[in-house]
Amino acid sequence: MGGNFHPDIIFWLIEDGKQRIIIIDPKGIRNLAANDPRLQFHQTIKEIEHRLNDPKVSLESFIVSSTSSATMSLQWNMAKPEMQQRNILFQEEDKDRYLAKILNPEP
């Protein structure tokens, strides 16, 4: 996919003639730098979407972290909302919400 990034899950949803391809990589992120290409892939995939230039295709990428946001906040000096803006979701602390965030994008 991108560099050394090989996601575990690819959702390919087709609805009303539009396709949403969602890349999901569940992983512990404790050993990753905030600028790791796997964590930046949410931007890279949007660049690919732009190059496709097809309004019927949407590309998205998410990391579902088994590492807590509190641990990563200390390590990266970054608040949880900023991590969520980078499509990093937290498996345990957001267990009731992260799938809805992935499957129901905000407008």
PDB file of N, CA and C in Angstrom:
ATOM      1  N   MET A   1       0.828  -1.183   0.000  1.00  0.00           N
ATOM      2  CA  MET A   1       0.000   0.000   0.000  1.00  0.00           C
ATOM      3  C   MET A   1       0.874   1.249   0.000  1.00  0.00           C
ATOM      4  N   GLY A   2       1.444   1.561   1.140  1.00  0.00           N
ATOM      5  CA  GLY A   2       2.287   2.742   1.224  1.00  0.00           C
ATOM      6  C   GLY A   2       3.540   2.410   2.004  1.00  0.00           C
ATOM      7  N   GLY A   3       4.665   2.293   1.329  1.00  0.00           N
ATOM      8  CA  GLY A   3       5.898   1.956   2.017  1.00  0.00           C
ATOM      9  C   GLY A   3       5.804   0.579   2.624  1.00  0.00           C
ATOM     10  N   ASN A   4       5.913   0.511   3.936  1.00  0.00           N
ATOM     11  CA  ASN A   4       5.898  -0.758   4.645  1.00  0.00           C
ATOM     12  C   ASN A   4       4.537  -1.026   5.273  1.00  0.00           C
ATOM     13  N   PHE A   5       3.487  -0.424   4.749  1.00  0.00           N
ATOM     14  CA  PHE A   5       2.152  -0.485   5.340  1.00  0.00           C
ATOM     15  C   PHE A   5       1.320  -1.555   4.650  1.00  0.00           C
ATOM     16  N   HIS A   6       0.916  -2.564   5.412  1.00  0.00           N
ATOM     17  CA  HIS A   6       0.084  -3.651   4.905  1.00  0.00           C
ATOM     18  C   HIS A   6      -1.094  -3.817   5.859  1.00  0.00           C
ATOM     19  N   PRO A   7      -2.226  -3.179   5.562  1.00  0.00           N
ATOM     20  CA  PRO A   7      -3.359  -3.202   6.491  1.00  0.00           C
ATOM     21  C   PRO A   7      -3.975  -4.589   6.622  1.00  0.00           C
ATOM     22  N   ASP A   8      -4.623  -4.816   7.742  1.00  0.00           N
ATOM     23  CA  ASP A   8      -5.261  -6.099   8.009  1.00  0.00           C
ATOM     24  C   ASP A   8      -6.658  -6.204   7.401  1.00  0.00           C
ATOM     25  N   ILE A   9      -7.361  -5.080   7.296  1.00  0.00           N
ATOM     26  CA  ILE A   9      -8.772  -5.121   6.894  1.00  0.00           C
ATOM     27  C   ILE A   9      -9.017  -4.088   5.796  1.00  0.00           C
ATOM     28  N   ILE A  10      -9.734  -4.513   4.775  1.00  0.00           N
ATOM     29  CA  ILE A  10     -10.202  -3.591   3.749  1.00  0.00           C
ATOM     30  C   ILE A  10     -11.705  -3.801   3.606  1.00  0.00           C
ATOM     31  N   PHE A  11     -12.482  -2.764   3.921  1.00  0.00           N
ATOM     32  CA  PHE A  11     -13.928  -2.771   3.683  1.00  0.00           C
ATOM     33  C   PHE A  11     -14.165  -2.134   2.327  1.00  0.00           C
ATOM     34  N   TRP A  12     -14.937  -2.791   1.504  1.00  0.00           N
ATOM     35  CA  TRP A  12     -15.304  -2.228   0.205  1.00  0.00           C
ATOM     36  C   TRP A  12     -16.822  -2.181   0.201  1.00  0.00           C
ATOM     37  N   LEU A  13     -17.371  -1.013   0.398  1.00  0.00           N
ATOM     38  CA  LEU A  13     -18.812  -0.839   0.500  1.00  0.00           C
ATOM     39  C   LEU A  13     -19.336  -0.182  -0.769  1.00  0.00           C
ATOM     40  N   ILE A  14     -20.402  -0.729  -1.306  1.00  0.00           N
ATOM     41  CA  ILE A  14     -21.049  -0.151  -2.483  1.00  0.00           C
ATOM     42  C   ILE A  14     -22.480   0.173  -2.096  1.00  0.00           C
ATOM     43  N   GLU A  15     -22.839   1.441  -2.264  1.00  0.00           N
ATOM     44  CA  GLU A  15     -24.176   1.895  -1.892  1.00  0.00           C
ATOM     45  C   GLU A  15     -24.579   3.044  -2.801  1.00  0.00           C
ATOM     46  N   ASP A  16     -25.748   2.934  -3.376  1.00  0.00           N
ATOM     47  CA  ASP A  16     -26.278   3.974  -4.259  1.00  0.00           C
ATOM     48  C   ASP A  16     -25.309   4.327  -5.377  1.00  0.00           C
ATOM     49  N   GLY A  17     -24.639   3.322  -5.935  1.00  0.00           N
ATOM     50  CA  GLY A  17     -23.727   3.544  -7.045  1.00  0.00           C
ATOM     51  C   GLY A  17     -22.389   4.159  -6.658  1.00  0.00           C
ATOM     52  N   LYS A  18     -22.145   4.330  -5.366  1.00  0.00           N
ATOM     53  CA  LYS A  18     -20.873   4.888  -4.889  1.00  0.00           C
ATOM     54  C   LYS A  18     -20.105   3.811  -4.128  1.00  0.00           C
ATOM     55  N   GLN A  19     -18.792   3.901  -4.212  1.00  0.00           N
ATOM     56  CA  GLN A  19     -17.916   2.944  -3.532  1.00  0.00           C
ATOM     57  C   GLN A  19     -17.127   3.649  -2.431  1.00  0.00           C
ATOM     58  N   ARG A  20     -17.098   3.031  -1.260  1.00  0.00           N
ATOM     59  CA  ARG A  20     -16.240   3.491  -0.159  1.00  0.00           C
ATOM     60  C   ARG A  20     -15.274   2.371   0.146  1.00  0.00           C
ATOM     61  N   ILE A  21     -14.004   2.660  -0.004  1.00  0.00           N
ATOM     62  CA  ILE A  21     -12.972   1.684   0.323  1.00  0.00           C
ATOM     63  C   ILE A  21     -12.289   2.186   1.593  1.00  0.00           C
ATOM     64  N   ILE A  22     -12.399   1.375   2.638  1.00  0.00           N
ATOM     65  CA  ILE A  22     -11.916   1.781   3.954  1.00  0.00           C
ATOM     66  C   ILE A  22     -10.810   0.816   4.384  1.00  0.00           C
ATOM     67  N   ILE A  23      -9.615   1.360   4.564  1.00  0.00           N
ATOM     68  CA  ILE A  23      -8.466   0.591   5.018  1.00  0.00           C
ATOM     69  C   ILE A  23      -8.405   0.696   6.539  1.00  0.00           C
ATOM     70  N   ILE A  24      -8.345  -0.446   7.213  1.00  0.00           N
ATOM     71  CA  ILE A  24      -8.306  -0.451   8.677  1.00  0.00           C
ATOM     72  C   ILE A  24      -7.126  -1.304   9.122  1.00  0.00           C
ATOM     73  N   ASP A  25      -6.315  -0.736   9.998  1.00  0.00           N
ATOM     74  CA  ASP A  25      -5.165  -1.464  10.514  1.00  0.00           C
ATOM     75  C   ASP A  25      -5.201  -1.443  12.034  1.00  0.00           C
ATOM     76  N   PRO A  26      -5.619  -2.550  12.668  1.00  0.00           N
ATOM     77  CA  PRO A  26      -5.571  -2.613  14.128  1.00  0.00           C
ATOM     78  C   PRO A  26      -4.140  -2.910  14.569  1.00  0.00           C
ATOM     79  N   LYS A  27      -3.632  -2.136  15.518  1.00  0.00           N
ATOM     80  CA  LYS A  27      -2.244  -2.354  15.943  1.00  0.00           C
ATOM     81  C   LYS A  27      -1.950  -1.577  17.216  1.00  0.00           C
ATOM     82  N   GLY A  28      -0.929  -2.018  17.893  1.00  0.00           N
ATOM     83  CA  GLY A  28      -0.350  -1.235  18.978  1.00  0.00           C
ATOM     84  C   GLY A  28       0.550  -0.185  18.354  1.00  0.00           C
ATOM     85  N   ILE A  29       0.472   1.035  18.833  1.00  0.00           N
ATOM     86  CA  ILE A  29       1.236   2.119  18.204  1.00  0.00           C
ATOM     87  C   ILE A  29       2.320   2.686  19.120  1.00  0.00           C
ATOM     88  N   ARG A  30       2.538   2.071  20.248  1.00  0.00           N
ATOM     89  CA  ARG A  30       3.503   2.561  21.235  1.00  0.00           C
ATOM     90  C   ARG A  30       4.902   2.758  20.642  1.00  0.00           C
ATOM     91  N   ASN A  31       5.294   1.926  19.702  1.00  0.00           N
ATOM     92  CA  ASN A  31       6.643   2.002  19.135  1.00  0.00           C
ATOM     93  C   ASN A  31       6.717   2.809  17.839  1.00  0.00           C
ATOM     94  N   LEU A  32       5.644   3.511  17.496  1.00  0.00           N
ATOM     95  CA  LEU A  32       5.626   4.300  16.265  1.00  0.00           C
ATOM     96  C   LEU A  32       5.807   5.782  16.580  1.00  0.00           C
ATOM     97  N   ALA A  33       6.544   6.451  15.723  1.00  0.00           N
ATOM     98  CA  ALA A  33       6.650   7.908  15.830  1.00  0.00           C
ATOM     99  C   ALA A  33       5.374   8.529  15.270  1.00  0.00           C
ATOM    100  N   ALA A  34       5.050   9.719  15.717  1.00  0.00           N
ATOM    101  CA  ALA A  34       3.827  10.394  15.257  1.00  0.00           C
ATOM    102  C   ALA A  34       3.830  10.634  13.751  1.00  0.00           C
ATOM    103  N   ASN A  35       5.009  10.676  13.142  1.00  0.00           N
ATOM    104  CA  ASN A  35       5.081  10.915  11.696  1.00  0.00           C
ATOM    105  C   ASN A  35       5.316   9.627  10.904  1.00  0.00           C
ATOM    106  N   ASP A  36       5.110   8.477  11.516  1.00  0.00           N
ATOM    107  CA  ASP A  36       5.275   7.195  10.825  1.00  0.00           C
ATOM    108  C   ASP A  36       4.347   7.151   9.605  1.00  0.00           C
ATOM    109  N   PRO A  37       4.817   6.668   8.463  1.00  0.00           N
ATOM    110  CA  PRO A  37       3.980   6.622   7.249  1.00  0.00           C
ATOM    111  C   PRO A  37       2.671   5.859   7.437  1.00  0.00           C
ATOM    112  N   ARG A  38       2.659   4.860   8.316  1.00  0.00           N
ATOM    113  CA  ARG A  38       1.408   4.123   8.561  1.00  0.00           C
ATOM    114  C   ARG A  38       0.375   5.012   9.226  1.00  0.00           C
ATOM    115  N   LEU A  39       0.856   5.942  10.054  1.00  0.00           N
ATOM    116  CA  LEU A  39      -0.064   6.861  10.728  1.00  0.00           C
ATOM    117  C   LEU A  39      -0.436   8.049   9.844  1.00  0.00           C
ATOM    118  N   GLN A  40       0.352   8.292   8.827  1.00  0.00           N
ATOM    119  CA  GLN A  40       0.078   9.384   7.883  1.00  0.00           C
ATOM    120  C   GLN A  40      -0.734   8.898   6.682  1.00  0.00           C
ATOM    121  N   PHE A  41      -0.995   7.603   6.616  1.00  0.00           N
ATOM    122  CA  PHE A  41      -1.656   7.041   5.445  1.00  0.00           C
ATOM    123  C   PHE A  41      -3.051   7.625   5.225  1.00  0.00           C
ATOM    124  N   HIS A  42      -3.702   8.125   6.283  1.00  0.00           N
ATOM    125  CA  HIS A  42      -5.021   8.739   6.104  1.00  0.00           C
ATOM    126  C   HIS A  42      -4.936   9.937   5.154  1.00  0.00           C
ATOM    127  N   GLN A  43      -3.779  10.598   5.101  1.00  0.00           N
ATOM    128  CA  GLN A  43      -3.575  11.705   4.153  1.00  0.00           C
ATOM    129  C   GLN A  43      -3.165  11.167   2.787  1.00  0.00           C
ATOM    130  N   THR A  44      -2.271  10.211   2.775  1.00  0.00           N
ATOM    131  CA  THR A  44      -1.794   9.627   1.527  1.00  0.00           C
ATOM    132  C   THR A  44      -2.953   9.058   0.709  1.00  0.00           C
ATOM    133  N   ILE A  45      -3.874   8.381   1.387  1.00  0.00           N
ATOM    134  CA  ILE A  45      -4.987   7.757   0.670  1.00  0.00           C
ATOM    135  C   ILE A  45      -5.919   8.824   0.073  1.00  0.00           C
ATOM    136  N   LYS A  46      -6.014   9.967   0.731  1.00  0.00           N
ATOM    137  CA  LYS A  46      -6.822  11.063   0.177  1.00  0.00           C
ATOM    138  C   LYS A  46      -6.150  11.653  -1.065  1.00  0.00           C
ATOM    139  N   GLU A  47      -4.819  11.659  -1.091  1.00  0.00           N
ATOM    140  CA  GLU A  47      -4.100  12.100  -2.295  1.00  0.00           C
ATOM    141  C   GLU A  47      -4.366  11.130  -3.448  1.00  0.00           C
ATOM    142  N   ILE A  48      -4.405   9.849  -3.141  1.00  0.00           N
ATOM    143  CA  ILE A  48      -4.721   8.840  -4.160  1.00  0.00           C
ATOM    144  C   ILE A  48      -6.152   9.045  -4.650  1.00  0.00           C
ATOM    145  N   GLU A  49      -7.068   9.275  -3.734  1.00  0.00           N
ATOM    146  CA  GLU A  49      -8.468   9.544  -4.093  1.00  0.00           C
ATOM    147  C   GLU A  49      -8.560  10.750  -5.034  1.00  0.00           C
ATOM    148  N   HIS A  50      -7.824  11.788  -4.713  1.00  0.00           N
ATOM    149  CA  HIS A  50      -7.826  12.997  -5.545  1.00  0.00           C
ATOM    150  C   HIS A  50      -7.317  12.682  -6.957  1.00  0.00           C
ATOM    151  N   ARG A  51      -6.255  11.899  -7.048  1.00  0.00           N
ATOM    152  CA  ARG A  51      -5.707  11.529  -8.363  1.00  0.00           C
ATOM    153  C   ARG A  51      -6.681  10.668  -9.162  1.00  0.00           C
ATOM    154  N   LEU A  52      -7.456   9.832  -8.480  1.00  0.00           N
ATOM    155  CA  LEU A  52      -8.459   9.019  -9.174  1.00  0.00           C
ATOM    156  C   LEU A  52      -9.503   9.903  -9.863  1.00  0.00           C
ATOM    157  N   ASN A  53      -9.829  11.009  -9.196  1.00  0.00           N
ATOM    158  CA  ASN A  53     -10.772  11.982  -9.755  1.00  0.00           C
ATOM    159  C   ASN A  53     -12.086  11.320 -10.160  1.00  0.00           C
ATOM    160  N   ASP A  54     -12.603  10.477  -9.285  1.00  0.00           N
ATOM    161  CA  ASP A  54     -13.879   9.803  -9.526  1.00  0.00           C
ATOM    162  C   ASP A  54     -14.800  10.087  -8.342  1.00  0.00           C
ATOM    163  N   PRO A  55     -15.812  10.926  -8.527  1.00  0.00           N
ATOM    164  CA  PRO A  55     -16.693  11.288  -7.406  1.00  0.00           C
ATOM    165  C   PRO A  55     -17.471  10.104  -6.840  1.00  0.00           C
ATOM    166  N   LYS A  56     -17.446   8.974  -7.524  1.00  0.00           N
ATOM    167  CA  LYS A  56     -18.161   7.795  -7.037  1.00  0.00           C
ATOM    168  C   LYS A  56     -17.280   6.886  -6.182  1.00  0.00           C
ATOM    169  N   VAL A  57     -16.023   7.307  -5.954  1.00  0.00           N
ATOM    170  CA  VAL A  57     -15.095   6.497  -5.153  1.00  0.00           C
ATOM    171  C   VAL A  57     -14.553   7.334  -3.998  1.00  0.00           C
ATOM    172  N   SER A  58     -14.692   6.806  -2.795  1.00  0.00           N
ATOM    173  CA  SER A  58     -14.162   7.447  -1.588  1.00  0.00           C
ATOM    174  C   SER A  58     -13.164   6.494  -0.945  1.00  0.00           C
ATOM    175  N   LEU A  59     -11.975   6.998  -0.615  1.00  0.00           N
ATOM    176  CA  LEU A  59     -10.935   6.207   0.036  1.00  0.00           C
ATOM    177  C   LEU A  59     -10.677   6.754   1.435  1.00  0.00           C
ATOM    178  N   GLU A  60     -10.583   5.862   2.412  1.00  0.00           N
ATOM    179  CA  GLU A  60     -10.342   6.270   3.795  1.00  0.00           C
ATOM    180  C   GLU A  60      -9.411   5.270   4.469  1.00  0.00           C
ATOM    181  N   SER A  61      -8.745   5.725   5.509  1.00  0.00           N
ATOM    182  CA  SER A  61      -7.832   4.860   6.250  1.00  0.00           C
ATOM    183  C   SER A  61      -7.922   5.172   7.737  1.00  0.00           C
ATOM    184  N   PHE A  62      -7.910   4.113   8.554  1.00  0.00           N
ATOM    185  CA  PHE A  62      -7.975   4.252  10.008  1.00  0.00           C
ATOM    186  C   PHE A  62      -6.980   3.306  10.669  1.00  0.00           C
ATOM    187  N   ILE A  63      -6.409   3.766  11.762  1.00  0.00           N
ATOM    188  CA  ILE A  63      -5.650   2.913  12.675  1.00  0.00           C
ATOM    189  C   ILE A  63      -6.547   2.700  13.894  1.00  0.00           C
ATOM    190  N   VAL A  64      -6.720   1.441  14.296  1.00  0.00           N
ATOM    191  CA  VAL A  64      -7.444   1.132  15.531  1.00  0.00           C
ATOM    192  C   VAL A  64      -6.389   0.661  16.518  1.00  0.00           C
ATOM    193  N   SER A  65      -6.082   1.518  17.468  1.00  0.00           N
ATOM    194  CA  SER A  65      -4.961   1.300  18.376  1.00  0.00           C
ATOM    195  C   SER A  65      -5.354   0.502  19.610  1.00  0.00           C
ATOM    196  N   SER A  66      -4.528  -0.493  19.924  1.00  0.00           N
ATOM    197  CA  SER A  66      -4.690  -1.203  21.195  1.00  0.00           C
ATOM    198  C   SER A  66      -3.926  -0.481  22.310  1.00  0.00           C
ATOM    199  N   THR A  67      -3.111   0.506  21.935  1.00  0.00           N
ATOM    200  CA  THR A  67      -2.399   1.341  22.904  1.00  0.00           C
ATOM    201  C   THR A  67      -3.330   2.487  23.301  1.00  0.00           C
ATOM    202  N   SER A  68      -3.357   2.842  24.544  1.00  0.00           N
ATOM    203  CA  SER A  68      -4.287   3.877  25.006  1.00  0.00           C
ATOM    204  C   SER A  68      -3.889   5.271  24.510  1.00  0.00           C
ATOM    205  N   SER A  69      -4.885   6.133  24.426  1.00  0.00           N
ATOM    206  CA  SER A  69      -4.615   7.520  24.028  1.00  0.00           C
ATOM    207  C   SER A  69      -3.795   8.233  25.100  1.00  0.00           C
ATOM    208  N   ALA A  70      -3.975   7.862  26.373  1.00  0.00           N
ATOM    209  CA  ALA A  70      -3.202   8.501  27.449  1.00  0.00           C
ATOM    210  C   ALA A  70      -1.710   8.206  27.281  1.00  0.00           C
ATOM    211  N   THR A  71      -1.381   6.965  26.966  1.00  0.00           N
ATOM    212  CA  THR A  71       0.019   6.596  26.727  1.00  0.00           C
ATOM    213  C   THR A  71       0.581   7.381  25.558  1.00  0.00           C
ATOM    214  N   MET A  72      -0.194   7.465  24.466  1.00  0.00           N
ATOM    215  CA  MET A  72       0.298   8.138  23.271  1.00  0.00           C
ATOM    216  C   MET A  72       0.337   9.655  23.452  1.00  0.00           C
ATOM    217  N   SER A  73      -0.556  10.196  24.254  1.00  0.00           N
ATOM    218  CA  SER A  73      -0.519  11.637  24.546  1.00  0.00           C
ATOM    219  C   SER A  73       0.792  12.011  25.222  1.00  0.00           C
ATOM    220  N   LEU A  74       1.222  11.179  26.161  1.00  0.00           N
ATOM    221  CA  LEU A  74       2.499  11.433  26.838  1.00  0.00           C
ATOM    222  C   LEU A  74       3.677  11.280  25.877  1.00  0.00           C
ATOM    223  N   GLN A  75       3.619  10.257  25.054  1.00  0.00           N
ATOM    224  CA  GLN A  75       4.727   9.968  24.141  1.00  0.00           C
ATOM    225  C   GLN A  75       4.841  11.004  23.023  1.00  0.00           C
ATOM    226  N   TRP A  76       3.713  11.400  22.451  1.00  0.00           N
ATOM    227  CA  TRP A  76       3.719  12.301  21.294  1.00  0.00           C
ATOM    228  C   TRP A  76       3.455  13.748  21.662  1.00  0.00           C
ATOM    229  N   ASN A  77       3.097  14.014  22.920  1.00  0.00           N
ATOM    230  CA  ASN A  77       2.698  15.366  23.324  1.00  0.00           C
ATOM    231  C   ASN A  77       1.560  15.859  22.424  1.00  0.00           C
ATOM    232  N   MET A  78       0.530  15.023  22.307  1.00  0.00           N
ATOM    233  CA  MET A  78      -0.584  15.293  21.410  1.00  0.00           C
ATOM    234  C   MET A  78      -1.876  14.864  22.108  1.00  0.00           C
ATOM    235  N   ALA A  79      -2.885  15.693  22.077  1.00  0.00           N
ATOM    236  CA  ALA A  79      -4.162  15.364  22.706  1.00  0.00           C
ATOM    237  C   ALA A  79      -4.942  14.364  21.849  1.00  0.00           C
ATOM    238  N   LYS A  80      -5.824  13.626  22.503  1.00  0.00           N
ATOM    239  CA  LYS A  80      -6.621  12.613  21.817  1.00  0.00           C
ATOM    240  C   LYS A  80      -7.393  13.180  20.622  1.00  0.00           C
ATOM    241  N   PRO A  81      -8.033  14.366  20.722  1.00  0.00           N
ATOM    242  CA  PRO A  81      -8.754  14.875  19.547  1.00  0.00           C
ATOM    243  C   PRO A  81      -7.861  15.047  18.312  1.00  0.00           C
ATOM    244  N   GLU A  82      -6.603  15.424  18.516  1.00  0.00           N
ATOM    245  CA  GLU A  82      -5.685  15.547  17.381  1.00  0.00           C
ATOM    246  C   GLU A  82      -5.373  14.176  16.783  1.00  0.00           C
ATOM    247  N   MET A  83      -5.236  13.176  17.639  1.00  0.00           N
ATOM    248  CA  MET A  83      -5.012  11.816  17.138  1.00  0.00           C
ATOM    249  C   MET A  83      -6.236  11.341  16.347  1.00  0.00           C
ATOM    250  N   GLN A  84      -7.424  11.653  16.851  1.00  0.00           N
ATOM    251  CA  GLN A  84      -8.640  11.259  16.151  1.00  0.00           C
ATOM    252  C   GLN A  84      -8.761  11.972  14.801  1.00  0.00           C
ATOM    253  N   GLN A  85      -8.275  13.199  14.707  1.00  0.00           N
ATOM    254  CA  GLN A  85      -8.268  13.900  13.422  1.00  0.00           C
ATOM    255  C   GLN A  85      -7.361  13.193  12.431  1.00  0.00           C
ATOM    256  N   ARG A  86      -6.401  12.445  12.926  1.00  0.00           N
ATOM    257  CA  ARG A  86      -5.494  11.671  12.074  1.00  0.00           C
ATOM    258  C   ARG A  86      -6.039  10.258  11.845  1.00  0.00           C
ATOM    259  N   ASN A  87      -7.311  10.061  12.181  1.00  0.00           N
ATOM    260  CA  ASN A  87      -7.999   8.773  12.020  1.00  0.00           C
ATOM    261  C   ASN A  87      -7.361   7.655  12.848  1.00  0.00           C
ATOM    262  N   ILE A  88      -6.865   8.020  14.024  1.00  0.00           N
ATOM    263  CA  ILE A  88      -6.394   7.033  14.994  1.00  0.00           C
ATOM    264  C   ILE A  88      -7.505   6.887  16.027  1.00  0.00           C
ATOM    265  N   LEU A  89      -8.045   5.688  16.115  1.00  0.00           N
ATOM    266  CA  LEU A  89      -9.127   5.396  17.051  1.00  0.00           C
ATOM    267  C   LEU A  89      -8.604   4.409  18.085  1.00  0.00           C
ATOM    268  N   PHE A  90      -9.268   4.332  19.226  1.00  0.00           N
ATOM    269  CA  PHE A  90      -8.746   3.553  20.338  1.00  0.00           C
ATOM    270  C   PHE A  90      -9.707   2.425  20.708  1.00  0.00           C
ATOM    271  N   GLN A  91      -9.219   1.212  20.507  1.00  0.00           N
ATOM    272  CA  GLN A  91     -10.027   0.006  20.605  1.00  0.00           C
ATOM    273  C   GLN A  91     -10.731  -0.147  21.950  1.00  0.00           C
ATOM    274  N   GLU A  92     -10.030  -0.012  23.018  1.00  0.00           N
ATOM    275  CA  GLU A  92     -10.640  -0.236  24.335  1.00  0.00           C
ATOM    276  C   GLU A  92     -11.466   0.952  24.803  1.00  0.00           C
ATOM    277  N   GLU A  93     -10.877   2.121  24.807  1.00  0.00           N
ATOM    278  CA  GLU A  93     -11.595   3.264  25.384  1.00  0.00           C
ATOM    279  C   GLU A  93     -12.732   3.767  24.502  1.00  0.00           C
ATOM    280  N   ASP A  94     -12.699   3.453  23.209  1.00  0.00           N
ATOM    281  CA  ASP A  94     -13.765   3.874  22.291  1.00  0.00           C
ATOM    282  C   ASP A  94     -14.549   2.677  21.764  1.00  0.00           C
ATOM    283  N   LYS A  95     -14.536   1.571  22.514  1.00  0.00           N
ATOM    284  CA  LYS A  95     -15.105   0.328  21.998  1.00  0.00           C
ATOM    285  C   LYS A  95     -16.570   0.438  21.597  1.00  0.00           C
ATOM    286  N   ASP A  96     -17.308   1.364  22.163  1.00  0.00           N
ATOM    287  CA  ASP A  96     -18.719   1.528  21.800  1.00  0.00           C
ATOM    288  C   ASP A  96     -18.921   2.478  20.628  1.00  0.00           C
ATOM    289  N   ARG A  97     -17.831   3.120  20.155  1.00  0.00           N
ATOM    290  CA  ARG A  97     -17.991   4.168  19.141  1.00  0.00           C
ATOM    291  C   ARG A  97     -17.104   4.035  17.908  1.00  0.00           C
ATOM    292  N   TYR A  98     -15.980   3.340  18.010  1.00  0.00           N
ATOM    293  CA  TYR A  98     -15.021   3.428  16.904  1.00  0.00           C
ATOM    294  C   TYR A  98     -15.536   2.818  15.606  1.00  0.00           C
ATOM    295  N   LEU A  99     -16.305   1.739  15.656  1.00  0.00           N
ATOM    296  CA  LEU A  99     -16.845   1.183  14.419  1.00  0.00           C
ATOM    297  C   LEU A  99     -17.841   2.136  13.769  1.00  0.00           C
ATOM    298  N   ALA A 100     -18.657   2.785  14.572  1.00  0.00           N
ATOM    299  CA  ALA A 100     -19.594   3.769  14.012  1.00  0.00           C
ATOM    300  C   ALA A 100     -18.848   4.909  13.346  1.00  0.00           C
ATOM    301  N   LYS A 101     -17.740   5.339  13.921  1.00  0.00           N
ATOM    302  CA  LYS A 101     -16.940   6.415  13.321  1.00  0.00           C
ATOM    303  C   LYS A 101     -16.373   5.978  11.975  1.00  0.00           C
ATOM    304  N   ILE A 102     -15.945   4.741  11.885  1.00  0.00           N
ATOM    305  CA  ILE A 102     -15.398   4.229  10.632  1.00  0.00           C
ATOM    306  C   ILE A 102     -16.488   4.102   9.565  1.00  0.00           C
ATOM    307  N   LEU A 103     -17.606   3.536   9.941  1.00  0.00           N
ATOM    308  CA  LEU A 103     -18.649   3.217   8.952  1.00  0.00           C
ATOM    309  C   LEU A 103     -19.582   4.367   8.640  1.00  0.00           C
ATOM    310  N   ASN A 104     -19.657   5.357   9.507  1.00  0.00           N
ATOM    311  CA  ASN A 104     -20.545   6.501   9.284  1.00  0.00           C
ATOM    312  C   ASN A 104     -19.749   7.794   9.331  1.00  0.00           C
ATOM    313  N   PRO A 105     -19.127   8.150   8.221  1.00  0.00           N
ATOM    314  CA  PRO A 105     -18.273   9.351   8.234  1.00  0.00           C
ATOM    315  C   PRO A 105     -19.089  10.623   8.472  1.00  0.00           C
ATOM    316  N   GLU A 106     -18.414  11.569   9.091  1.00  0.00           N
ATOM    317  CA  GLU A 106     -19.055  12.871   9.300  1.00  0.00           C
ATOM    318  C   GLU A 106     -19.016  13.633   7.978  1.00  0.00           C
ATOM    319  N   PRO A 107     -20.053  14.414   7.708  1.00  0.00           N
ATOM    320  CA  PRO A 107     -20.080  15.161   6.435  1.00  0.00           C
ATOM    321  C   PRO A 107     -19.008  16.198   6.327  1.00  0.00           C
TER     322      PRO A 107
END
